[in-house]
Amino acid sequence: MSAIMLQGTGSDVGKSVLVAGLCRALSRRGYSVRPFKPQNMSNNAAVTMDGGEIGRAQALQAIAAGVPPHTDMNPVLLKPQADRTSQLVVHGKVRGALGAGNFRTARGQLLDAVLESYRRLKAQCDMVVVEGAGSPAEINLRAGDIANMGFARAANVPVILVGDIDRGGVIAALAGTRAVIDPQDAAMIRGFLINKFRGEPALFEDGYRQIEQLTGWRGFGVVPWLSATARLPSEDAVVLERSRARKGDQVMIACPILPRIANFDDLDPFKLEPAVDLVMVPPGQPIPAEAALIVLPGSKATIADMHALRSQGWDVDIRAHHRQGKPVLGICGGYQMLGRLIADPDGMEGPPGSVEGLGLLDMETRLTGSKALERVEGIAFGQSFSGYEMHVGTSAGPGCARPFAMLDGVRSDGAISADGLIWGTYVHGLFASTGLRAAVMDRLGSGSSFVDYAVSIEDALDEIARELEKHVDIDAMVALARDGMS
């Protein structure tokens, strides 16, 4: 039983995809593999088979490893709900909130929970592939660290450092990390990977050798730009700011980027549709008038995001869109915003209070009670689907008499307005179901390509694994994992 850890010179260097690709490559070689991330910070989460929640990236890595996602794969999850406050999820369940004042102290106290999960996973498999968070070069955060070197040293797991050459300065990033971190931390690093390389690798041979000389670490390979990554669900909201090429004959689906947007990968299946132009609308821009469908996404702080939506003038855009006879869909927090009122009397997602919703559905929401975390199956628009619920609170009112879906054959979900143009649901992930996605596109006057989203993800993982086999010394990585820090 062995383990290896990928850390990065910074955020968004591609660690999550590389861990997923390694899990798939090792699984294809016949190894029993488990992914693991000690601490994650993300509002994109997935419901696990054991009834908890973990970061979306770890759920994807579990798919890559060919095993069901489990809360042990991401024992500590921080979900930002304000500028200085995050909801704390431990072993899949909410344990309170961490603020700027108690973050470091509380985080260090979670190491036992992290190691408990790691040991359980390690006992189940041949190899654990561990993903770090941020960068070990953030030495101001080293005290109490459980995400990078704090974990690596406690669990005695060798580290490979990932550098992103696409953003530039990769030699300085790797050599600089070696220079600033504690010598004992540096001793945990046994090599590096160059990621996101475009062009001819031979042109970087001198740079590669110079990194080896400057750091004393061996290189494990140069990973090319992996185009298949675009077909995988993303965890970091930074990707929402990246524009996509547009075609004039596409039907537009527009989604405003709320400050605490959550589970935005709900819309990823539409990226596979050639007939769809999926537009994520950043702050400061209006929702395009040519949009055929507006989607209000999930939110980690619904009341705060409702205020933000109004401050951007997006409420005016949504009402104008509705008056033109075009549909609006709200998912989870977005569904709650479509109602008359959102009340949070106990401060579940921020300071206690309430806010008027858009009033497009005749219902009200109260954010009280325990958090719903459940995988579901249902029928909507005459099509079956599967997905998951992840929310606090309930919505009720006359509008709910016209449900969006029936779940598990026994209970209703969401609401549809009397004019049939406003749709609200608590279910995430439902557009991965080909039939329902096609039914929505039919209502927008467009045809679906009927691409199977799950198959597309599997194919992308296989493609990434094949690329890693070509360009990375996986045999040496396996040997390092087996030998550990001996």
Protein backbone atom coordinates (compact mmCIF):
# COMPACT_ATOMS: atom_id res chain seq x y z
CA MET A 1 0.00 0.00 0.00
CA SER A 2 1.53 3.30 -1.08
CA ALA A 3 0.78 6.96 -1.77
CA ILE A 4 2.04 9.94 -3.68
CA MET A 5 1.04 13.60 -3.47
CA LEU A 6 0.80 16.27 -6.16
CA GLN A 7 1.25 19.83 -4.95
CA GLY A 8 1.42 22.93 -7.12
CA THR A 9 3.40 26.13 -7.45
CA GLY A 10 0.05 27.92 -7.26
CA SER A 11 -3.69 27.55 -7.67
CA ASP A 12 -5.16 26.42 -11.00
CA VAL A 13 -1.94 24.77 -12.20
CA GLY A 14 -3.88 21.62 -13.11
CA LYS A 15 -3.42 19.43 -10.04
CA SER A 16 -7.02 18.18 -10.00
CA VAL A 17 -6.91 17.02 -13.62
CA LEU A 18 -3.49 15.40 -13.21
CA VAL A 19 -4.69 13.48 -10.15
CA ALA A 20 -7.77 12.35 -12.08
CA GLY A 21 -5.61 11.33 -15.04
CA LEU A 22 -3.21 9.40 -12.81
CA CYS A 23 -6.11 7.65 -11.07
CA ARG A 24 -7.43 6.55 -14.46
CA ALA A 25 -3.97 5.55 -15.76
CA LEU A 26 -3.20 3.52 -12.65
CA SER A 27 -6.64 1.94 -12.70
CA ARG A 28 -6.10 0.92 -16.33
CA ARG A 29 -2.86 -0.74 -15.21
CA GLY A 30 -4.82 -2.85 -12.76
CA TYR A 31 -4.14 -0.98 -9.54
CA SER A 32 -6.82 -0.34 -6.96
CA VAL A 33 -6.66 3.45 -6.53
CA ARG A 34 -8.27 6.08 -4.29
CA PRO A 35 -8.06 9.88 -4.67
CA PHE A 36 -7.60 12.04 -1.60
CA LYS A 37 -7.55 15.76 -0.87
CA PRO A 38 -7.04 16.64 2.80
CA GLN A 39 -8.62 20.09 2.58
CA ASN A 40 -10.53 21.68 -0.25
CA MET A 41 -12.13 25.10 -0.67
CA SER A 42 -14.92 25.13 -3.20
CA ASN A 43 -18.64 25.80 -3.59
CA ASN A 44 -18.84 23.09 -6.24
CA ALA A 45 -19.60 19.93 -4.33
CA ALA A 46 -21.02 16.47 -4.93
CA VAL A 47 -23.15 14.16 -2.83
CA THR A 48 -21.44 10.89 -1.91
CA MET A 49 -22.81 7.39 -1.62
CA ASP A 50 -22.47 7.59 2.18
CA GLY A 51 -24.72 10.65 2.33
CA GLY A 52 -22.19 13.45 2.69
CA GLU A 53 -20.57 16.03 0.44
CA ILE A 54 -17.09 16.44 -1.00
CA GLY A 55 -15.44 18.71 -3.54
CA ARG A 56 -16.51 18.16 -7.14
CA ALA A 57 -12.92 17.42 -8.18
CA GLN A 58 -12.68 14.49 -5.77
CA ALA A 59 -15.96 13.08 -7.08
CA LEU A 60 -14.51 13.25 -10.59
CA GLN A 61 -11.30 11.61 -9.42
CA ALA A 62 -13.36 8.80 -7.89
CA ILE A 63 -14.98 8.25 -11.30
CA ALA A 64 -11.48 8.16 -12.78
CA ALA A 65 -10.46 5.53 -10.24
CA GLY A 66 -13.60 3.50 -10.95
CA VAL A 67 -14.97 3.71 -7.40
CA PRO A 68 -17.96 5.47 -5.78
CA PRO A 69 -17.18 8.88 -4.26
CA HIS A 70 -16.83 8.78 -0.47
CA THR A 71 -16.49 11.46 2.19
CA ASP A 72 -13.07 10.09 3.19
CA MET A 73 -11.74 11.31 -0.17
CA ASN A 74 -12.11 14.94 0.99
CA PRO A 75 -12.45 15.00 4.78
CA VAL A 76 -12.31 18.81 5.16
CA LEU A 77 -14.29 21.02 2.77
CA LEU A 78 -14.52 24.79 3.15
CA LYS A 79 -17.41 26.45 1.31
CA PRO A 80 -17.04 30.26 1.12
CA GLN A 81 -20.28 32.02 2.00
CA ALA A 82 -18.93 35.53 2.68
CA ASP A 83 -15.69 37.42 2.07
CA ARG A 84 -14.26 36.34 5.44
CA THR A 85 -16.36 33.30 6.36
CA SER A 86 -16.60 29.73 5.08
CA GLN A 87 -18.90 26.90 6.01
CA LEU A 88 -16.89 24.03 7.48
CA VAL A 89 -17.74 20.51 6.32
CA VAL A 90 -15.95 17.63 8.05
CA HIS A 91 -16.40 14.02 6.92
CA GLY A 92 -19.23 15.19 4.68
CA LYS A 93 -21.31 17.00 7.31
CA VAL A 94 -21.58 20.67 8.26
CA ARG A 95 -19.68 21.43 11.46
CA GLY A 96 -20.13 25.19 11.64
CA ALA A 97 -18.25 28.11 10.12
CA LEU A 98 -14.68 29.36 10.02
CA GLY A 99 -13.88 33.05 9.91
CA ALA A 100 -10.69 35.01 9.46
CA GLY A 101 -10.24 35.17 13.22
CA ASN A 102 -10.33 31.45 13.98
CA PHE A 103 -9.31 29.93 10.65
CA ARG A 104 -5.71 28.97 11.43
CA THR A 105 -6.37 27.61 14.91
CA ALA A 106 -9.41 25.57 13.91
CA ARG A 107 -7.75 24.28 10.75
CA GLY A 108 -4.78 22.86 12.62
CA GLN A 109 -7.14 20.99 14.93
CA LEU A 110 -8.58 19.11 11.95
CA LEU A 111 -5.41 17.16 11.16
CA ASP A 112 -6.59 14.14 13.15
CA ALA A 113 -9.80 13.97 11.09
CA VAL A 114 -7.73 14.20 7.91
CA LEU A 115 -5.36 11.42 8.92
CA GLU A 116 -8.27 9.25 10.04
CA SER A 117 -9.79 9.40 6.55
CA TYR A 118 -6.43 8.90 4.86
CA ARG A 119 -5.70 5.75 6.85
CA ARG A 120 -9.09 4.27 6.02
CA LEU A 121 -8.56 4.89 2.31
CA LYS A 122 -5.02 3.55 2.36
CA ALA A 123 -6.25 0.28 3.87
CA GLN A 124 -8.66 -0.21 0.94
CA CYS A 125 -6.35 0.05 -2.04
CA ASP A 126 -2.95 -0.36 -3.68
CA MET A 127 -2.30 3.36 -4.03
CA VAL A 128 -3.65 6.70 -2.84
CA VAL A 129 -3.10 9.71 -5.11
CA VAL A 130 -3.20 12.85 -2.98
CA GLU A 131 -3.91 16.38 -4.20
CA GLY A 132 -2.64 19.46 -2.40
CA ALA A 133 -4.34 22.85 -2.29
CA GLY A 134 -2.96 26.19 -3.36
CA SER A 135 0.81 26.08 -2.93
CA PRO A 136 3.38 25.11 -0.30
CA ALA A 137 5.15 28.37 -1.21
CA GLU A 138 2.45 30.26 0.71
CA ILE A 139 4.72 30.12 3.74
CA ASN A 140 2.58 32.67 5.58
CA LEU A 141 -0.04 29.90 5.84
CA ARG A 142 2.35 27.12 6.86
CA ALA A 143 1.49 27.12 10.58
CA GLY A 144 -1.39 24.72 11.12
CA ASP A 145 -1.35 23.62 7.48
CA ILE A 146 -3.21 20.39 6.72
CA ALA A 147 -3.53 20.79 2.95
CA ASN A 148 0.06 20.59 1.74
CA MET A 149 3.27 19.99 3.69
CA GLY A 150 1.49 19.72 7.02
CA PHE A 151 -0.27 16.64 5.72
CA ALA A 152 2.68 15.30 3.70
CA ARG A 153 4.95 15.33 6.72
CA ALA A 154 2.33 13.94 9.12
CA ALA A 155 1.52 11.07 6.74
CA ASN A 156 5.09 10.72 5.40
CA VAL A 157 3.95 10.95 1.76
CA PRO A 158 6.43 11.94 -0.99
CA VAL A 159 5.51 14.99 -3.07
CA ILE A 160 5.78 15.88 -6.74
CA LEU A 161 5.49 19.61 -7.44
CA VAL A 162 3.44 20.73 -10.47
CA GLY A 163 4.33 23.88 -12.39
CA ASP A 164 2.10 25.53 -15.00
CA ILE A 165 4.21 26.61 -17.97
CA ASP A 166 1.24 28.15 -19.81
CA ARG A 167 1.04 31.06 -17.38
CA GLY A 168 4.77 31.79 -17.76
CA GLY A 169 7.60 31.89 -15.24
CA VAL A 170 7.57 28.17 -14.50
CA ILE A 171 11.34 27.99 -13.86
CA ALA A 172 11.09 30.76 -11.28
CA ALA A 173 7.94 29.22 -9.78
CA LEU A 174 9.60 25.86 -9.17
CA ALA A 175 13.01 27.16 -8.15
CA GLY A 176 11.38 29.90 -6.06
CA THR A 177 9.29 27.36 -4.18
CA ARG A 178 12.47 25.42 -3.39
CA ALA A 179 14.09 28.61 -2.13
CA VAL A 180 11.36 29.84 0.21
CA ILE A 181 9.97 26.72 1.87
CA ASP A 182 11.36 25.14 5.02
CA PRO A 183 14.24 22.71 4.30
CA GLN A 184 12.34 19.85 5.92
CA ASP A 185 9.36 20.60 3.68
CA ALA A 186 11.63 20.77 0.65
CA ALA A 187 12.96 17.33 1.54
CA MET A 188 9.45 15.93 1.05
CA ILE A 189 9.52 17.00 -2.62
CA ARG A 190 11.07 14.30 -4.80
CA GLY A 191 10.46 15.74 -8.23
CA PHE A 192 8.39 17.99 -10.45
CA LEU A 193 6.02 17.93 -13.40
CA ILE A 194 5.66 20.61 -16.06
CA ASN A 195 1.99 21.00 -16.98
CA LYS A 196 0.02 22.67 -19.82
CA PHE A 197 2.87 22.76 -22.34
CA ARG A 198 2.02 23.98 -25.85
CA GLY A 199 4.40 23.39 -28.74
CA GLU A 200 7.51 21.29 -29.23
CA PRO A 201 8.82 19.80 -25.94
CA ALA A 202 12.38 19.71 -27.29
CA LEU A 203 12.42 23.51 -27.10
CA PHE A 204 12.13 23.28 -23.32
CA GLU A 205 14.83 20.68 -22.72
CA ASP A 206 17.36 23.25 -21.50
CA GLY A 207 14.80 24.81 -19.14
CA TYR A 208 13.87 21.36 -17.83
CA ARG A 209 17.50 20.55 -17.00
CA GLN A 210 18.01 23.95 -15.41
CA ILE A 211 15.08 23.31 -13.08
CA GLU A 212 16.66 20.00 -12.08
CA GLN A 213 19.96 21.76 -11.38
CA LEU A 214 18.42 24.68 -9.47
CA THR A 215 16.16 22.55 -7.29
CA GLY A 216 17.94 19.23 -6.98
CA TRP A 217 14.67 17.51 -7.89
CA ARG A 218 14.25 15.11 -10.79
CA GLY A 219 11.71 15.78 -13.51
CA PHE A 220 8.90 13.29 -14.09
CA GLY A 221 7.80 14.69 -17.44
CA VAL A 222 6.29 17.49 -19.48
CA VAL A 223 2.51 17.23 -19.82
CA PRO A 224 1.10 18.78 -23.01
CA TRP A 225 -1.96 21.00 -23.10
CA LEU A 226 -4.79 18.53 -22.48
CA SER A 227 -7.73 19.62 -24.62
CA ALA A 228 -9.89 16.87 -23.10
CA THR A 229 -9.90 18.85 -19.85
CA ALA A 230 -12.56 21.12 -21.35
CA ARG A 231 -14.98 18.18 -21.32
CA LEU A 232 -14.59 17.63 -17.57
CA PRO A 233 -16.60 19.40 -14.85
CA SER A 234 -14.59 22.22 -13.33
CA GLU A 235 -14.31 23.03 -9.65
CA ASP A 236 -12.73 26.48 -9.58
CA ALA A 237 -14.96 29.46 -10.36
CA VAL A 238 -12.01 31.16 -12.11
CA VAL A 239 -12.92 29.20 -15.26
CA LEU A 240 -16.24 31.04 -15.48
CA GLU A 241 -14.47 34.20 -16.58
CA ARG A 242 -13.03 32.52 -19.68
CA SER A 243 -14.87 33.30 -22.87
CA ARG A 244 -15.81 30.74 -25.49
CA ALA A 245 -16.01 31.11 -29.25
CA ARG A 246 -19.52 31.96 -30.38
CA LYS A 247 -21.47 31.01 -33.50
CA GLY A 248 -24.32 33.05 -34.88
CA ASP A 249 -26.69 30.12 -35.39
CA GLN A 250 -26.58 28.88 -31.80
CA VAL A 251 -29.32 29.22 -29.23
CA MET A 252 -28.05 31.17 -26.22
CA ILE A 253 -28.35 30.04 -22.61
CA ALA A 254 -27.21 32.79 -20.23
CA CYS A 255 -26.24 32.42 -16.58
CA PRO A 256 -25.21 35.35 -14.35
CA ILE A 257 -22.07 34.76 -12.28
CA LEU A 258 -23.22 35.46 -8.74
CA PRO A 259 -20.58 36.23 -6.08
CA ARG A 260 -21.26 32.95 -4.22
CA ILE A 261 -22.22 30.84 -7.22
CA ALA A 262 -22.30 27.13 -6.37
CA ASN A 263 -22.45 23.90 -8.35
CA PHE A 264 -22.12 25.82 -11.62
CA ASP A 265 -21.13 22.55 -13.30
CA ASP A 266 -24.89 21.92 -13.56
CA LEU A 267 -24.65 23.63 -16.95
CA ASP A 268 -21.59 21.78 -18.22
CA PRO A 269 -23.62 19.26 -20.27
CA PHE A 270 -24.84 22.12 -22.46
CA LYS A 271 -21.20 22.77 -23.48
CA LEU A 272 -21.35 19.49 -25.39
CA GLU A 273 -24.25 20.72 -27.51
CA PRO A 274 -23.06 22.29 -30.78
CA ALA A 275 -26.37 24.18 -31.04
CA VAL A 276 -25.92 25.91 -27.65
CA ASP A 277 -23.97 29.05 -26.85
CA LEU A 278 -23.56 28.91 -23.06
CA VAL A 279 -22.76 32.41 -21.82
CA MET A 280 -21.62 33.01 -18.24
CA VAL A 281 -22.37 36.69 -17.58
CA PRO A 282 -19.79 38.41 -15.35
CA PRO A 283 -20.59 41.32 -13.02
CA GLY A 284 -20.81 44.65 -14.78
CA GLN A 285 -22.44 43.24 -17.90
CA PRO A 286 -26.15 42.91 -18.70
CA ILE A 287 -27.73 39.56 -19.40
CA PRO A 288 -27.81 39.42 -23.22
CA ALA A 289 -31.23 40.28 -24.64
CA GLU A 290 -30.82 37.53 -27.26
CA ALA A 291 -30.72 34.79 -24.61
CA ALA A 292 -33.32 32.08 -25.19
CA LEU A 293 -33.05 30.83 -21.60
CA ILE A 294 -31.77 32.48 -18.43
CA VAL A 295 -30.53 30.16 -15.69
CA LEU A 296 -30.17 31.33 -12.10
CA PRO A 297 -27.58 28.97 -10.59
CA GLY A 298 -27.06 27.58 -7.14
CA SER A 299 -25.72 29.85 -4.42
CA LYS A 300 -23.87 29.36 -1.13
CA ALA A 301 -25.36 32.59 0.26
CA THR A 302 -28.75 33.05 -1.36
CA ILE A 303 -29.83 36.26 0.37
CA ALA A 304 -26.48 37.95 -0.29
CA ASP A 305 -26.56 36.83 -3.92
CA MET A 306 -30.13 38.08 -4.28
CA HIS A 307 -28.92 41.53 -3.21
CA ALA A 308 -26.01 41.23 -5.65
CA LEU A 309 -28.36 40.25 -8.48
CA ARG A 310 -30.38 43.42 -7.91
CA SER A 311 -27.31 45.61 -7.58
CA GLN A 312 -26.21 44.45 -11.05
CA GLY A 313 -29.61 45.24 -12.55
CA TRP A 314 -30.01 41.61 -13.54
CA ASP A 315 -33.51 41.54 -12.02
CA VAL A 316 -34.56 44.06 -14.66
CA ASP A 317 -33.03 41.90 -17.41
CA ILE A 318 -34.80 38.80 -16.10
CA ARG A 319 -38.20 40.50 -15.97
CA ALA A 320 -37.75 41.87 -19.49
CA HIS A 321 -36.79 38.39 -20.69
CA HIS A 322 -39.94 36.94 -19.11
CA ARG A 323 -42.17 39.64 -20.62
CA GLN A 324 -40.87 38.59 -24.03
CA GLY A 325 -42.29 35.12 -23.43
CA LYS A 326 -38.95 33.43 -22.83
CA PRO A 327 -38.25 30.94 -20.01
CA VAL A 328 -36.24 31.34 -16.82
CA LEU A 329 -34.84 28.39 -14.85
CA GLY A 330 -33.72 28.56 -11.22
CA ILE A 331 -31.65 25.75 -9.67
CA CYS A 332 -31.51 25.39 -5.87
CA GLY A 333 -30.59 28.89 -4.62
CA GLY A 334 -31.64 30.23 -8.01
CA TYR A 335 -35.04 28.55 -7.52
CA GLN A 336 -35.37 30.24 -4.13
CA MET A 337 -34.68 33.63 -5.76
CA LEU A 338 -37.61 33.15 -8.14
CA GLY A 339 -40.09 33.20 -5.24
CA ARG A 340 -41.61 36.07 -3.28
CA LEU A 341 -39.44 35.91 -0.17
CA ILE A 342 -36.26 34.26 1.18
CA ALA A 343 -35.99 34.20 4.97
CA ASP A 344 -32.96 33.06 6.98
CA PRO A 345 -34.10 33.56 10.59
CA ASP A 346 -31.32 31.43 12.11
CA GLY A 347 -28.42 32.77 10.04
CA MET A 348 -27.81 29.50 8.18
CA GLU A 349 -25.99 31.22 5.29
CA GLY A 350 -25.02 34.56 6.81
CA PRO A 351 -26.49 37.17 9.13
CA PRO A 352 -30.15 36.43 10.05
CA GLY A 353 -32.59 38.30 7.85
CA SER A 354 -34.79 38.11 4.80
CA VAL A 355 -35.06 39.55 1.29
CA GLU A 356 -37.73 39.86 -1.35
CA GLY A 357 -37.27 37.51 -4.26
CA LEU A 358 -38.13 38.14 -7.88
CA GLY A 359 -41.76 37.16 -7.30
CA LEU A 360 -41.93 35.11 -10.50
CA LEU A 361 -43.08 32.01 -8.60
CA ASP A 362 -45.86 32.09 -6.01
CA MET A 363 -43.91 30.61 -3.11
CA GLU A 364 -41.62 31.55 -0.20
CA THR A 365 -38.46 29.97 1.20
CA ARG A 366 -37.27 29.58 4.78
CA LEU A 367 -33.63 28.56 5.30
CA THR A 368 -34.06 26.40 8.38
CA GLY A 369 -33.52 22.79 9.40
CA SER A 370 -30.84 20.30 8.52
CA LYS A 371 -29.06 20.21 5.18
CA ALA A 372 -30.59 17.99 2.51
CA LEU A 373 -27.91 15.75 0.97
CA GLU A 374 -29.45 13.10 -1.21
CA ARG A 375 -29.14 11.45 -4.60
CA VAL A 376 -32.47 11.39 -6.42
CA GLU A 377 -34.16 10.18 -9.58
CA GLY A 378 -37.18 11.79 -11.13
CA ILE A 379 -39.25 12.79 -14.12
CA ALA A 380 -39.59 16.30 -15.60
CA PHE A 381 -40.94 17.40 -18.98
CA GLY A 382 -41.83 13.75 -19.54
CA GLN A 383 -38.18 12.66 -19.26
CA SER A 384 -36.41 10.68 -16.54
CA PHE A 385 -33.29 12.08 -14.89
CA SER A 386 -30.95 11.52 -11.96
CA GLY A 387 -29.27 14.14 -9.82
CA TYR A 388 -28.79 15.21 -6.24
CA GLU A 389 -30.14 17.66 -3.67
CA MET A 390 -27.81 19.82 -1.58
CA HIS A 391 -29.56 22.64 0.25
CA VAL A 392 -30.98 23.98 3.48
CA GLY A 393 -34.54 25.18 3.85
CA THR A 394 -37.85 24.51 2.19
CA SER A 395 -39.99 26.36 -0.33
CA ALA A 396 -43.77 26.38 -0.10
CA GLY A 397 -46.74 28.21 -1.56
CA PRO A 398 -49.51 27.92 -4.16
CA GLY A 399 -46.95 27.86 -6.99
CA CYS A 400 -45.60 24.53 -5.74
CA ALA A 401 -48.91 22.92 -6.72
CA ARG A 402 -47.43 22.88 -10.23
CA PRO A 403 -44.18 20.97 -9.53
CA PHE A 404 -41.20 20.95 -11.84
CA ALA A 405 -40.56 17.25 -11.25
CA MET A 406 -41.64 14.15 -9.40
CA LEU A 407 -38.80 12.57 -7.43
CA ASP A 408 -38.45 8.87 -6.76
CA GLY A 409 -42.09 8.46 -7.78
CA VAL A 410 -43.39 9.76 -4.46
CA ARG A 411 -42.70 13.46 -3.92
CA SER A 412 -42.81 16.66 -5.89
CA ASP A 413 -39.93 19.04 -6.48
CA GLY A 414 -39.84 22.69 -7.41
CA ALA A 415 -42.45 24.71 -9.24
CA ILE A 416 -43.57 25.93 -12.66
CA SER A 417 -45.41 29.22 -13.07
CA ALA A 418 -48.96 29.40 -14.38
CA ASP A 419 -47.72 30.70 -17.75
CA GLY A 420 -45.26 27.80 -18.00
CA LEU A 421 -42.23 30.08 -18.43
CA ILE A 422 -40.68 30.05 -14.95
CA TRP A 423 -39.11 26.77 -13.84
CA GLY A 424 -37.60 26.10 -10.42
CA THR A 425 -35.97 22.98 -9.01
CA TYR A 426 -33.81 21.92 -6.08
CA VAL A 427 -32.11 19.17 -8.10
CA HIS A 428 -28.51 19.58 -9.23
CA GLY A 429 -26.95 17.64 -12.09
CA LEU A 430 -30.20 16.92 -13.92
CA PHE A 431 -28.94 18.07 -17.35
CA ALA A 432 -26.45 15.22 -17.45
CA SER A 433 -29.55 13.18 -18.38
CA THR A 434 -29.69 13.22 -22.17
CA GLY A 435 -33.47 13.06 -22.53
CA LEU A 436 -34.20 15.96 -20.19
CA ARG A 437 -31.51 18.12 -21.77
CA ALA A 438 -33.04 17.42 -25.18
CA ALA A 439 -36.51 18.29 -23.87
CA VAL A 440 -35.29 21.67 -22.63
CA MET A 441 -33.58 22.38 -25.94
CA ASP A 442 -36.75 21.45 -27.77
CA ARG A 443 -38.59 24.11 -25.76
CA LEU A 444 -35.93 26.59 -26.87
CA GLY A 445 -36.56 25.70 -30.52
CA SER A 446 -33.31 23.81 -30.97
CA GLY A 447 -32.32 20.20 -31.48
CA SER A 448 -30.02 18.20 -29.24
CA SER A 449 -27.00 16.19 -30.34
CA PHE A 450 -27.98 13.56 -27.71
CA VAL A 451 -24.41 13.29 -26.48
CA ASP A 452 -24.17 11.08 -23.39
CA TYR A 453 -22.52 13.31 -20.77
CA ALA A 454 -21.29 10.43 -18.60
CA VAL A 455 -19.72 8.70 -21.59
CA SER A 456 -18.10 11.98 -22.63
CA ILE A 457 -16.46 12.28 -19.20
CA GLU A 458 -15.23 8.68 -19.31
CA ASP A 459 -13.78 9.24 -22.78
CA ALA A 460 -12.05 12.43 -21.66
CA LEU A 461 -10.50 10.67 -18.66
CA ASP A 462 -9.25 7.86 -20.90
CA GLU A 463 -7.75 10.40 -23.30
CA ILE A 464 -5.97 12.22 -20.47
CA ALA A 465 -4.66 8.93 -19.08
CA ARG A 466 -3.25 8.00 -22.48
CA GLU A 467 -1.47 11.35 -22.74
CA LEU A 468 0.05 10.92 -19.29
CA GLU A 469 1.28 7.46 -20.25
CA LYS A 470 3.08 9.04 -23.21
CA HIS A 471 4.62 12.02 -21.50
CA VAL A 472 5.05 11.16 -17.80
CA ASP A 473 7.32 8.58 -16.19
CA ILE A 474 4.49 6.80 -14.38
CA ASP A 475 6.67 3.79 -13.60
CA ALA A 476 9.02 6.05 -11.64
CA MET A 477 6.08 7.67 -9.86
CA VAL A 478 4.76 4.26 -8.82
CA ALA A 479 8.21 3.30 -7.55
CA LEU A 480 8.44 6.55 -5.59
CA ALA A 481 5.02 5.93 -4.07
CA ARG A 482 6.05 2.40 -3.05
CA ASP A 483 9.38 3.45 -1.58
CA GLY A 484 7.87 6.46 0.19
CA MET A 485 10.33 8.66 2.08
CA SER A 486 12.72 5.78 2.82
